[in-house]
């Protein structure tokens, strides 16, 4: 992908991102890492042939861009899923 841009951002109240535990974390092997999701982002990218595509991803605290970035939750190799967890509010 190239030319990825944020088209829209909306709050992700009660949504969380789940990452699989990696070998470099000091957690039991059956644990996941679960973090609140800051927002949903609608992204658009252009393929090499000029075709535009859109998809939705999420941003958590670790992936909030301080500068233009192409790294979002699903770009993380340990990304597992998004979960709706209102009980964690």
N, C-alpha and C. Protein backbone atom coordinates (compact mmCIF):
# COMPACT_ATOMS: atom_id res chain seq x y z
N UNK A 1 0.83 -1.18 0.00
CA UNK A 1 0.00 0.00 0.00
C UNK A 1 0.87 1.24 0.00
N UNK A 2 0.33 2.27 -0.60
CA UNK A 2 1.01 3.55 -0.56
C UNK A 2 -0.04 4.64 -0.44
N UNK A 3 0.39 5.81 -0.06
CA UNK A 3 -0.52 6.96 0.04
C UNK A 3 -1.71 6.70 0.95
N UNK A 4 -1.49 6.12 2.12
CA UNK A 4 -2.57 5.89 3.07
C UNK A 4 -2.90 7.19 3.78
N UNK A 5 -4.17 7.57 3.79
CA UNK A 5 -4.59 8.78 4.47
C UNK A 5 -5.80 8.48 5.35
N UNK A 6 -5.91 9.24 6.43
CA UNK A 6 -7.08 9.14 7.31
C UNK A 6 -8.18 9.99 6.71
N UNK A 7 -9.32 9.36 6.44
CA UNK A 7 -10.48 10.07 5.90
C UNK A 7 -11.36 10.58 7.03
N UNK A 8 -11.54 9.75 8.07
CA UNK A 8 -12.40 10.13 9.18
C UNK A 8 -11.97 9.38 10.45
N UNK A 9 -12.18 10.02 11.60
CA UNK A 9 -11.93 9.41 12.90
C UNK A 9 -13.18 9.58 13.74
N UNK A 10 -13.58 8.50 14.46
CA UNK A 10 -14.72 8.60 15.37
C UNK A 10 -14.36 7.87 16.67
N UNK A 11 -14.95 8.29 17.80
CA UNK A 11 -14.66 7.64 19.08
C UNK A 11 -15.03 6.16 19.05
N UNK A 12 -14.33 5.38 19.84
CA UNK A 12 -14.57 3.94 19.93
C UNK A 12 -14.93 3.56 21.36
N UNK A 13 -15.94 4.22 21.89
CA UNK A 13 -16.37 4.00 23.27
C UNK A 13 -16.68 2.53 23.54
N UNK A 14 -16.09 2.00 24.59
CA UNK A 14 -16.29 0.62 25.05
C UNK A 14 -15.65 -0.44 24.16
N UNK A 15 -14.93 -0.06 23.13
CA UNK A 15 -14.22 -1.02 22.28
C UNK A 15 -12.79 -1.15 22.75
N UNK A 16 -12.25 -2.35 22.61
CA UNK A 16 -10.88 -2.65 23.02
C UNK A 16 -10.17 -3.39 21.90
N UNK A 17 -8.86 -3.28 21.90
CA UNK A 17 -8.05 -4.04 20.95
C UNK A 17 -7.35 -5.14 21.73
N UNK A 18 -7.30 -6.31 21.13
CA UNK A 18 -6.70 -7.47 21.77
C UNK A 18 -5.47 -7.88 20.98
N UNK A 19 -4.36 -8.02 21.70
CA UNK A 19 -3.11 -8.48 21.11
C UNK A 19 -2.75 -9.82 21.74
N UNK A 20 -2.17 -10.69 20.96
CA UNK A 20 -1.67 -11.95 21.51
C UNK A 20 -0.40 -11.68 22.28
N UNK A 21 -0.21 -12.43 23.33
CA UNK A 21 1.00 -12.28 24.13
C UNK A 21 2.20 -12.76 23.34
N UNK A 22 3.21 -11.96 23.30
CA UNK A 22 4.43 -12.36 22.62
C UNK A 22 5.42 -12.96 23.59
N UNK A 23 6.44 -13.58 23.08
CA UNK A 23 7.46 -14.21 23.92
C UNK A 23 8.23 -13.20 24.77
N UNK A 24 8.22 -11.94 24.35
CA UNK A 24 9.00 -10.93 25.08
C UNK A 24 8.19 -10.27 26.20
N UNK A 25 6.99 -10.77 26.50
CA UNK A 25 6.18 -10.21 27.57
C UNK A 25 6.20 -11.11 28.78
N UNK A 26 6.17 -10.50 29.96
CA UNK A 26 6.22 -11.27 31.21
C UNK A 26 4.81 -11.61 31.67
N UNK A 27 4.06 -12.28 30.82
CA UNK A 27 2.70 -12.69 31.13
C UNK A 27 2.59 -14.20 31.00
N UNK A 28 1.66 -14.82 31.71
CA UNK A 28 1.45 -16.26 31.50
C UNK A 28 1.12 -16.53 30.03
N UNK A 29 1.44 -17.71 29.57
CA UNK A 29 1.32 -18.02 28.15
C UNK A 29 -0.10 -17.99 27.63
N UNK A 30 -1.11 -18.12 28.52
CA UNK A 30 -2.48 -18.15 28.05
C UNK A 30 -3.15 -16.77 28.10
N UNK A 31 -2.40 -15.73 28.36
CA UNK A 31 -2.96 -14.39 28.51
C UNK A 31 -2.91 -13.60 27.22
N UNK A 32 -3.83 -12.67 27.12
CA UNK A 32 -3.86 -11.71 26.02
C UNK A 32 -3.59 -10.33 26.61
N UNK A 33 -3.20 -9.42 25.77
CA UNK A 33 -3.09 -8.02 26.17
C UNK A 33 -4.31 -7.30 25.61
N UNK A 34 -5.07 -6.63 26.47
CA UNK A 34 -6.29 -5.94 26.06
C UNK A 34 -6.17 -4.48 26.46
N UNK A 35 -6.35 -3.58 25.47
CA UNK A 35 -6.23 -2.15 25.71
C UNK A 35 -7.45 -1.42 25.17
N UNK A 36 -7.85 -0.32 25.82
CA UNK A 36 -8.96 0.48 25.29
C UNK A 36 -8.59 1.03 23.92
N UNK A 37 -9.57 1.06 23.06
CA UNK A 37 -9.39 1.62 21.73
C UNK A 37 -9.73 3.11 21.81
N UNK A 38 -8.87 3.96 21.31
CA UNK A 38 -9.11 5.41 21.34
C UNK A 38 -10.15 5.82 20.30
N UNK A 39 -9.99 5.32 19.08
CA UNK A 39 -10.92 5.70 18.03
C UNK A 39 -10.84 4.73 16.86
N UNK A 40 -11.89 4.78 16.04
CA UNK A 40 -11.91 4.07 14.76
C UNK A 40 -11.43 5.06 13.70
N UNK A 41 -10.72 4.57 12.72
CA UNK A 41 -10.27 5.43 11.62
C UNK A 41 -10.70 4.79 10.29
N UNK A 42 -11.23 5.64 9.42
CA UNK A 42 -11.52 5.24 8.05
C UNK A 42 -10.32 5.64 7.23
N UNK A 43 -9.66 4.65 6.65
CA UNK A 43 -8.42 4.89 5.91
C UNK A 43 -8.64 4.67 4.42
N UNK A 44 -7.89 5.40 3.64
CA UNK A 44 -7.93 5.21 2.19
C UNK A 44 -6.50 5.09 1.69
N UNK A 45 -6.28 4.12 0.83
CA UNK A 45 -4.96 3.98 0.23
C UNK A 45 -5.12 3.79 -1.28
N UNK A 46 -4.04 4.09 -1.98
CA UNK A 46 -4.02 3.98 -3.43
C UNK A 46 -3.03 2.91 -3.83
N UNK A 47 -3.46 1.98 -4.66
CA UNK A 47 -2.57 0.93 -5.14
C UNK A 47 -1.68 1.49 -6.24
N UNK A 48 -0.69 0.71 -6.62
CA UNK A 48 0.25 1.16 -7.65
C UNK A 48 -0.43 1.48 -8.97
N UNK A 49 -1.57 0.83 -9.25
CA UNK A 49 -2.28 1.10 -10.51
C UNK A 49 -3.26 2.27 -10.38
N UNK A 50 -3.25 2.97 -9.23
CA UNK A 50 -4.06 4.16 -9.04
C UNK A 50 -5.44 3.91 -8.48
N UNK A 51 -5.78 2.66 -8.17
CA UNK A 51 -7.09 2.34 -7.64
C UNK A 51 -7.14 2.66 -6.15
N UNK A 52 -8.23 3.30 -5.71
CA UNK A 52 -8.38 3.67 -4.30
C UNK A 52 -9.21 2.63 -3.56
N UNK A 53 -8.81 2.35 -2.32
CA UNK A 53 -9.51 1.39 -1.46
C UNK A 53 -9.66 2.01 -0.08
N UNK A 54 -10.78 1.67 0.59
CA UNK A 54 -11.01 2.15 1.95
C UNK A 54 -11.23 0.98 2.89
N UNK A 55 -10.80 1.15 4.14
CA UNK A 55 -11.04 0.15 5.18
C UNK A 55 -11.01 0.83 6.54
N UNK A 56 -11.53 0.14 7.54
CA UNK A 56 -11.59 0.67 8.90
C UNK A 56 -10.56 -0.06 9.76
N UNK A 57 -9.87 0.69 10.58
CA UNK A 57 -8.92 0.14 11.55
C UNK A 57 -9.13 0.91 12.84
N UNK A 58 -8.34 0.60 13.84
CA UNK A 58 -8.45 1.27 15.12
C UNK A 58 -7.13 1.86 15.55
N UNK A 59 -7.22 2.77 16.52
CA UNK A 59 -6.02 3.35 17.13
C UNK A 59 -6.14 3.20 18.63
N UNK A 60 -5.13 2.62 19.23
CA UNK A 60 -5.05 2.59 20.69
C UNK A 60 -3.93 3.54 21.09
N UNK A 61 -3.67 3.65 22.37
CA UNK A 61 -2.66 4.60 22.85
C UNK A 61 -1.29 4.36 22.22
N UNK A 62 -0.93 3.10 22.03
CA UNK A 62 0.38 2.78 21.48
C UNK A 62 0.51 3.16 20.01
N UNK A 63 -0.62 3.28 19.31
CA UNK A 63 -0.57 3.55 17.88
C UNK A 63 -1.10 4.93 17.50
N UNK A 64 -1.38 5.79 18.50
CA UNK A 64 -1.83 7.14 18.17
C UNK A 64 -0.68 7.87 17.48
N UNK A 65 -0.94 8.38 16.28
CA UNK A 65 0.16 9.02 15.55
C UNK A 65 0.47 10.41 16.09
N UNK A 66 1.73 10.65 16.38
CA UNK A 66 2.17 12.00 16.73
C UNK A 66 2.67 12.70 15.48
N UNK A 67 2.97 11.93 14.48
CA UNK A 67 3.31 12.43 13.15
C UNK A 67 2.56 11.54 12.17
N UNK A 68 2.40 11.96 10.92
CA UNK A 68 1.72 11.07 9.97
C UNK A 68 2.36 9.69 9.96
N UNK A 69 1.53 8.66 10.10
CA UNK A 69 2.03 7.31 10.26
C UNK A 69 1.15 6.34 9.52
N UNK A 70 1.69 5.22 9.15
CA UNK A 70 0.90 4.17 8.52
C UNK A 70 0.75 2.99 9.47
N UNK A 71 0.94 3.21 10.77
CA UNK A 71 0.84 2.10 11.71
C UNK A 71 -0.43 2.24 12.55
N UNK A 72 -1.30 1.28 12.39
CA UNK A 72 -2.56 1.25 13.11
C UNK A 72 -2.64 -0.10 13.83
N UNK A 73 -3.70 -0.35 14.58
CA UNK A 73 -3.78 -1.57 15.39
C UNK A 73 -3.55 -2.84 14.58
N UNK A 74 -4.20 -2.97 13.43
CA UNK A 74 -4.09 -4.21 12.66
C UNK A 74 -2.73 -4.37 12.00
N UNK A 75 -1.91 -3.33 12.01
CA UNK A 75 -0.55 -3.43 11.47
C UNK A 75 0.39 -4.11 12.45
N UNK A 76 0.01 -4.15 13.71
CA UNK A 76 0.84 -4.79 14.74
C UNK A 76 0.80 -6.31 14.53
N UNK A 77 1.95 -6.95 14.50
CA UNK A 77 2.00 -8.39 14.22
C UNK A 77 1.29 -9.23 15.28
N UNK A 78 1.09 -8.68 16.48
CA UNK A 78 0.42 -9.45 17.53
C UNK A 78 -1.08 -9.12 17.62
N UNK A 79 -1.60 -8.30 16.67
CA UNK A 79 -3.03 -7.96 16.68
C UNK A 79 -3.86 -9.22 16.54
N UNK A 80 -4.90 -9.33 17.36
CA UNK A 80 -5.78 -10.49 17.33
C UNK A 80 -7.19 -10.11 16.89
N UNK A 81 -7.80 -9.13 17.58
CA UNK A 81 -9.17 -8.75 17.26
C UNK A 81 -9.55 -7.48 18.00
N UNK A 82 -10.73 -6.95 17.66
CA UNK A 82 -11.36 -5.88 18.40
C UNK A 82 -12.51 -6.50 19.17
N UNK A 83 -12.72 -6.04 20.43
CA UNK A 83 -13.81 -6.56 21.26
C UNK A 83 -14.61 -5.42 21.87
N UNK A 84 -15.91 -5.60 21.91
CA UNK A 84 -16.79 -4.65 22.58
C UNK A 84 -16.91 -5.09 24.03
N UNK A 85 -16.40 -4.27 24.97
CA UNK A 85 -16.37 -4.65 26.40
C UNK A 85 -16.88 -3.48 27.26
N UNK A 86 -18.19 -3.23 27.27
CA UNK A 86 -18.70 -2.11 28.06
C UNK A 86 -18.48 -2.29 29.55
N UNK A 87 -18.34 -3.52 30.02
CA UNK A 87 -18.13 -3.76 31.44
C UNK A 87 -16.77 -3.27 31.94
N UNK A 88 -15.86 -2.96 31.03
CA UNK A 88 -14.52 -2.49 31.43
C UNK A 88 -14.47 -0.98 31.57
N UNK A 89 -15.58 -0.32 31.39
CA UNK A 89 -15.61 1.16 31.43
C UNK A 89 -15.24 1.66 32.80
